[in-house]
Amino acid sequence: MSSSGVRKPTYTTILPESPTSEYQDCLPCRIIGSGVLGTTGVYAPLAARKSAPVSVMGQRE
């Protein structure tokens, strides 16, 4: 048996098309979305801090 008669299989990877080609946000949508996400990011820690239990030793007067 000779190795010249053996064919090696070839593999190709088929990548899906990028989703940006079919849909893109408009500029006002990006601005509003970023503002809402930023506001939520600031509000969440502040709201959690207000409702956290406070120990007697942790209070300052």
PDB file of N, CA and C in Angstrom:
ATOM      1  N   MET A   1       0.829  -1.176   0.000  1.00  0.00           N
ATOM      2  CA  MET A   1       0.000   0.000   0.000  1.00  0.00           C
ATOM      3  C   MET A   1       0.874   1.240   0.000  1.00  0.00           C
ATOM      4  N   SER A   2       0.609   2.105  -0.892  1.00  0.00           N
ATOM      5  CA  SER A   2       1.394   3.334  -0.955  1.00  0.00           C
ATOM      6  C   SER A   2       0.594   4.490  -0.370  1.00  0.00           C
ATOM      7  N   SER A   3       1.296   5.434   0.228  1.00  0.00           N
ATOM      8  CA  SER A   3       0.628   6.568   0.861  1.00  0.00           C
ATOM      9  C   SER A   3       0.174   7.603  -0.164  1.00  0.00           C
ATOM     10  N   SER A   4       0.633   7.502  -1.399  1.00  0.00           N
ATOM     11  CA  SER A   4       0.239   8.481  -2.411  1.00  0.00           C
ATOM     12  C   SER A   4      -1.213   8.290  -2.846  1.00  0.00           C
ATOM     13  N   GLY A   5      -1.766   7.132  -2.645  1.00  0.00           N
ATOM     14  CA  GLY A   5      -3.140   6.879  -3.027  1.00  0.00           C
ATOM     15  C   GLY A   5      -4.155   7.271  -1.951  1.00  0.00           C
ATOM     16  N   VAL A   6      -3.671   7.667  -0.742  1.00  0.00           N
ATOM     17  CA  VAL A   6      -4.559   8.037   0.357  1.00  0.00           C
ATOM     18  C   VAL A   6      -4.833   9.537   0.284  1.00  0.00           C
ATOM     19  N   ARG A   7      -6.103   9.869   0.250  1.00  0.00           N
ATOM     20  CA  ARG A   7      -6.470  11.294   0.202  1.00  0.00           C
ATOM     21  C   ARG A   7      -6.862  11.754   1.601  1.00  0.00           C
ATOM     22  N   LYS A   8      -6.321  12.877   2.028  1.00  0.00           N
ATOM     23  CA  LYS A   8      -6.656  13.435   3.340  1.00  0.00           C
ATOM     24  C   LYS A   8      -7.948  14.246   3.213  1.00  0.00           C
ATOM     25  N   PRO A   9      -8.825  14.121   4.184  1.00  0.00           N
ATOM     26  CA  PRO A   9     -10.058  14.910   4.118  1.00  0.00           C
ATOM     27  C   PRO A   9      -9.765  16.389   4.378  1.00  0.00           C
ATOM     28  N   THR A  10     -10.513  17.231   3.743  1.00  0.00           N
ATOM     29  CA  THR A  10     -10.361  18.673   3.974  1.00  0.00           C
ATOM     30  C   THR A  10     -11.606  19.177   4.689  1.00  0.00           C
ATOM     31  N   TYR A  11     -11.416  20.052   5.625  1.00  0.00           N
ATOM     32  CA  TYR A  11     -12.508  20.602   6.415  1.00  0.00           C
ATOM     33  C   TYR A  11     -12.590  22.102   6.167  1.00  0.00           C
ATOM     34  N   THR A  12     -13.780  22.575   6.007  1.00  0.00           N
ATOM     35  CA  THR A  12     -13.993  24.018   5.872  1.00  0.00           C
ATOM     36  C   THR A  12     -14.993  24.453   6.925  1.00  0.00           C
ATOM     37  N   THR A  13     -14.781  25.625   7.430  1.00  0.00           N
ATOM     38  CA  THR A  13     -15.677  26.189   8.436  1.00  0.00           C
ATOM     39  C   THR A  13     -16.574  27.205   7.758  1.00  0.00           C
ATOM     40  N   ILE A  14     -17.871  27.042   7.944  1.00  0.00           N
ATOM     41  CA  ILE A  14     -18.830  27.986   7.380  1.00  0.00           C
ATOM     42  C   ILE A  14     -19.299  28.886   8.507  1.00  0.00           C
ATOM     43  N   LEU A  15     -18.990  30.159   8.405  1.00  0.00           N
ATOM     44  CA  LEU A  15     -19.370  31.125   9.423  1.00  0.00           C
ATOM     45  C   LEU A  15     -20.684  31.781   9.042  1.00  0.00           C
ATOM     46  N   PRO A  16     -21.536  32.030  10.030  1.00  0.00           N
ATOM     47  CA  PRO A  16     -22.793  32.717   9.721  1.00  0.00           C
ATOM     48  C   PRO A  16     -22.524  34.187   9.394  1.00  0.00           C
ATOM     49  N   GLU A  17     -23.442  34.791   8.687  1.00  0.00           N
ATOM     50  CA  GLU A  17     -23.293  36.212   8.372  1.00  0.00           C
ATOM     51  C   GLU A  17     -23.462  37.027   9.640  1.00  0.00           C
ATOM     52  N   SER A  18     -22.807  38.161   9.685  1.00  0.00           N
ATOM     53  CA  SER A  18     -22.907  39.005  10.869  1.00  0.00           C
ATOM     54  C   SER A  18     -24.299  39.627  10.931  1.00  0.00           C
ATOM     55  N   PRO A  19     -24.875  39.711  12.139  1.00  0.00           N
ATOM     56  CA  PRO A  19     -26.223  40.248  12.265  1.00  0.00           C
ATOM     57  C   PRO A  19     -26.307  41.743  11.999  1.00  0.00           C
ATOM     58  N   THR A  20     -25.176  42.445  12.010  1.00  0.00           N
ATOM     59  CA  THR A  20     -25.211  43.891  11.787  1.00  0.00           C
ATOM     60  C   THR A  20     -25.570  44.233  10.349  1.00  0.00           C
ATOM     61  N   SER A  21     -25.442  43.288   9.440  1.00  0.00           N
ATOM     62  CA  SER A  21     -25.753  43.587   8.051  1.00  0.00           C
ATOM     63  C   SER A  21     -27.249  43.750   7.821  1.00  0.00           C
ATOM     64  N   GLU A  22     -28.069  43.154   8.682  1.00  0.00           N
ATOM     65  CA  GLU A  22     -29.507  43.231   8.466  1.00  0.00           C
ATOM     66  C   GLU A  22     -30.212  44.222   9.390  1.00  0.00           C
ATOM     67  N   TYR A  23     -29.602  44.612  10.524  1.00  0.00           N
ATOM     68  CA  TYR A  23     -30.252  45.524  11.452  1.00  0.00           C
ATOM     69  C   TYR A  23     -29.214  46.397  12.129  1.00  0.00           C
ATOM     70  N   GLN A  24     -29.480  47.704  12.158  1.00  0.00           N
ATOM     71  CA  GLN A  24     -28.611  48.642  12.861  1.00  0.00           C
ATOM     72  C   GLN A  24     -29.484  49.629  13.612  1.00  0.00           C
ATOM     73  N   ASP A  25     -29.102  49.932  14.849  1.00  0.00           N
ATOM     74  CA  ASP A  25     -29.837  50.919  15.635  1.00  0.00           C
ATOM     75  C   ASP A  25     -29.583  52.318  15.089  1.00  0.00           C
ATOM     76  N   CYS A  26     -30.596  53.163  15.196  1.00  0.00           N
ATOM     77  CA  CYS A  26     -30.411  54.558  14.813  1.00  0.00           C
ATOM     78  C   CYS A  26     -29.724  55.290  15.973  1.00  0.00           C
ATOM     79  N   LEU A  27     -29.192  56.451  15.719  1.00  0.00           N
ATOM     80  CA  LEU A  27     -28.450  57.194  16.728  1.00  0.00           C
ATOM     81  C   LEU A  27     -29.319  57.562  17.931  1.00  0.00           C
ATOM     82  N   PRO A  28     -30.552  58.070  17.748  1.00  0.00           N
ATOM     83  CA  PRO A  28     -31.379  58.370  18.928  1.00  0.00           C
ATOM     84  C   PRO A  28     -31.658  57.129  19.785  1.00  0.00           C
ATOM     85  N   CYS A  29     -31.824  55.975  19.158  1.00  0.00           N
ATOM     86  CA  CYS A  29     -32.048  54.737  19.921  1.00  0.00           C
ATOM     87  C   CYS A  29     -30.825  54.383  20.752  1.00  0.00           C
ATOM     88  N   ARG A  30     -29.661  54.578  20.214  1.00  0.00           N
ATOM     89  CA  ARG A  30     -28.430  54.292  20.962  1.00  0.00           C
ATOM     90  C   ARG A  30     -28.271  55.246  22.136  1.00  0.00           C
ATOM     91  N   ILE A  31     -28.595  56.521  21.912  1.00  0.00           N
ATOM     92  CA  ILE A  31     -28.459  57.519  22.979  1.00  0.00           C
ATOM     93  C   ILE A  31     -29.434  57.224  24.109  1.00  0.00           C
ATOM     94  N   ILE A  32     -30.692  56.948  23.768  1.00  0.00           N
ATOM     95  CA  ILE A  32     -31.694  56.666  24.789  1.00  0.00           C
ATOM     96  C   ILE A  32     -31.353  55.373  25.522  1.00  0.00           C
ATOM     97  N   GLY A  33     -30.945  54.340  24.809  1.00  0.00           N
ATOM     98  CA  GLY A  33     -30.583  53.076  25.436  1.00  0.00           C
ATOM     99  C   GLY A  33     -29.405  53.218  26.383  1.00  0.00           C
ATOM    100  N   SER A  34     -28.404  53.989  25.985  1.00  0.00           N
ATOM    101  CA  SER A  34     -27.244  54.203  26.853  1.00  0.00           C
ATOM    102  C   SER A  34     -27.638  54.989  28.095  1.00  0.00           C
ATOM    103  N   GLY A  35     -28.516  55.974  27.933  1.00  0.00           N
ATOM    104  CA  GLY A  35     -28.971  56.764  29.079  1.00  0.00           C
ATOM    105  C   GLY A  35     -29.752  55.929  30.072  1.00  0.00           C
ATOM    106  N   VAL A  36     -30.636  55.092  29.572  1.00  0.00           N
ATOM    107  CA  VAL A  36     -31.431  54.228  30.458  1.00  0.00           C
ATOM    108  C   VAL A  36     -30.538  53.233  31.183  1.00  0.00           C
ATOM    109  N   LEU A  37     -29.595  52.636  30.481  1.00  0.00           N
ATOM    110  CA  LEU A  37     -28.693  51.680  31.113  1.00  0.00           C
ATOM    111  C   LEU A  37     -27.823  52.365  32.168  1.00  0.00           C
ATOM    112  N   GLY A  38     -27.323  53.568  31.862  1.00  0.00           N
ATOM    113  CA  GLY A  38     -26.508  54.305  32.826  1.00  0.00           C
ATOM    114  C   GLY A  38     -27.300  54.715  34.053  1.00  0.00           C
ATOM    115  N   THR A  39     -28.538  55.172  33.845  1.00  0.00           N
ATOM    116  CA  THR A  39     -29.394  55.569  34.964  1.00  0.00           C
ATOM    117  C   THR A  39     -29.707  54.383  35.864  1.00  0.00           C
ATOM    118  N   THR A  40     -29.985  53.242  35.265  1.00  0.00           N
ATOM    119  CA  THR A  40     -30.251  52.033  36.051  1.00  0.00           C
ATOM    120  C   THR A  40     -29.010  51.616  36.831  1.00  0.00           C
ATOM    121  N   GLY A  41     -27.839  51.766  36.207  1.00  0.00           N
ATOM    122  CA  GLY A  41     -26.596  51.416  36.877  1.00  0.00           C
ATOM    123  C   GLY A  41     -26.292  52.295  38.069  1.00  0.00           C
ATOM    124  N   VAL A  42     -26.724  53.543  38.030  1.00  0.00           N
ATOM    125  CA  VAL A  42     -26.521  54.450  39.170  1.00  0.00           C
ATOM    126  C   VAL A  42     -27.598  54.222  40.222  1.00  0.00           C
ATOM    127  N   TYR A  43     -28.827  54.004  39.786  1.00  0.00           N
ATOM    128  CA  TYR A  43     -29.945  53.867  40.714  1.00  0.00           C
ATOM    129  C   TYR A  43     -29.859  52.586  41.551  1.00  0.00           C
ATOM    130  N   ALA A  44     -29.468  51.484  40.934  1.00  0.00           N
ATOM    131  CA  ALA A  44     -29.482  50.195  41.629  1.00  0.00           C
ATOM    132  C   ALA A  44     -28.610  50.193  42.894  1.00  0.00           C
ATOM    133  N   PRO A  45     -27.361  50.637  42.856  1.00  0.00           N
ATOM    134  CA  PRO A  45     -26.569  50.646  44.103  1.00  0.00           C
ATOM    135  C   PRO A  45     -27.122  51.613  45.148  1.00  0.00           C
ATOM    136  N   LEU A  46     -27.657  52.751  44.692  1.00  0.00           N
ATOM    137  CA  LEU A  46     -28.214  53.706  45.652  1.00  0.00           C
ATOM    138  C   LEU A  46     -29.459  53.141  46.332  1.00  0.00           C
ATOM    139  N   ALA A  47     -30.309  52.469  45.587  1.00  0.00           N
ATOM    140  CA  ALA A  47     -31.511  51.873  46.162  1.00  0.00           C
ATOM    141  C   ALA A  47     -31.150  50.732  47.111  1.00  0.00           C
ATOM    142  N   ALA A  48     -30.141  49.956  46.767  1.00  0.00           N
ATOM    143  CA  ALA A  48     -29.721  48.852  47.632  1.00  0.00           C
ATOM    144  C   ALA A  48     -29.097  49.377  48.920  1.00  0.00           C
ATOM    145  N   ARG A  49     -28.427  50.504  48.829  1.00  0.00           N
ATOM    146  CA  ARG A  49     -27.775  51.074  49.994  1.00  0.00           C
ATOM    147  C   ARG A  49     -28.796  51.630  50.997  1.00  0.00           C
ATOM    148  N   LYS A  50     -29.875  52.206  50.474  1.00  0.00           N
ATOM    149  CA  LYS A  50     -30.907  52.773  51.344  1.00  0.00           C
ATOM    150  C   LYS A  50     -31.634  51.687  52.132  1.00  0.00           C
ATOM    151  N   SER A  51     -31.808  50.518  51.537  1.00  0.00           N
ATOM    152  CA  SER A  51     -32.577  49.461  52.189  1.00  0.00           C
ATOM    153  C   SER A  51     -31.704  48.494  52.994  1.00  0.00           C
ATOM    154  N   ALA A  52     -30.406  48.704  52.997  1.00  0.00           N
ATOM    155  CA  ALA A  52     -29.511  47.795  53.726  1.00  0.00           C
ATOM    156  C   ALA A  52     -29.664  48.009  55.233  1.00  0.00           C
ATOM    157  N   PRO A  53     -29.655  46.937  56.005  1.00  0.00           N
ATOM    158  CA  PRO A  53     -29.745  47.097  57.458  1.00  0.00           C
ATOM    159  C   PRO A  53     -28.457  47.739  57.994  1.00  0.00           C
ATOM    160  N   VAL A  54     -28.642  48.610  58.971  1.00  0.00           N
ATOM    161  CA  VAL A  54     -27.504  49.331  59.521  1.00  0.00           C
ATOM    162  C   VAL A  54     -27.300  48.872  60.961  1.00  0.00           C
ATOM    163  N   SER A  55     -26.071  48.539  61.308  1.00  0.00           N
ATOM    164  CA  SER A  55     -25.778  48.137  62.664  1.00  0.00           C
ATOM    165  C   SER A  55     -25.600  49.369  63.555  1.00  0.00           C
ATOM    166  N   VAL A  56     -25.721  49.189  64.846  1.00  0.00           N
ATOM    167  CA  VAL A  56     -25.580  50.295  65.772  1.00  0.00           C
ATOM    168  C   VAL A  56     -24.155  50.824  65.751  1.00  0.00           C
ATOM    169  N   MET A  57     -23.186  49.924  65.598  1.00  0.00           N
ATOM    170  CA  MET A  57     -21.792  50.335  65.580  1.00  0.00           C
ATOM    171  C   MET A  57     -21.422  51.052  64.281  1.00  0.00           C
ATOM    172  N   GLY A  58     -22.181  50.829  63.227  1.00  0.00           N
ATOM    173  CA  GLY A  58     -21.846  51.434  61.945  1.00  0.00           C
ATOM    174  C   GLY A  58     -22.395  52.823  61.741  1.00  0.00           C
ATOM    175  N   GLN A  59     -23.252  53.293  62.640  1.00  0.00           N
ATOM    176  CA  GLN A  59     -23.857  54.618  62.507  1.00  0.00           C
ATOM    177  C   GLN A  59     -22.909  55.687  63.031  1.00  0.00           C
ATOM    178  N   ARG A  60     -22.875  56.788  62.318  1.00  0.00           N
ATOM    179  CA  ARG A  60     -22.084  57.941  62.778  1.00  0.00           C
ATOM    180  C   ARG A  60     -23.048  59.081  63.080  1.00  0.00           C
ATOM    181  N   GLU A  61     -22.722  59.835  64.075  1.00  0.00           N
ATOM    182  CA  GLU A  61     -23.604  60.943  64.417  1.00  0.00           C
ATOM    183  C   GLU A  61     -22.884  62.240  64.348  1.00  0.00           C
TER     184      GLU A  61
END
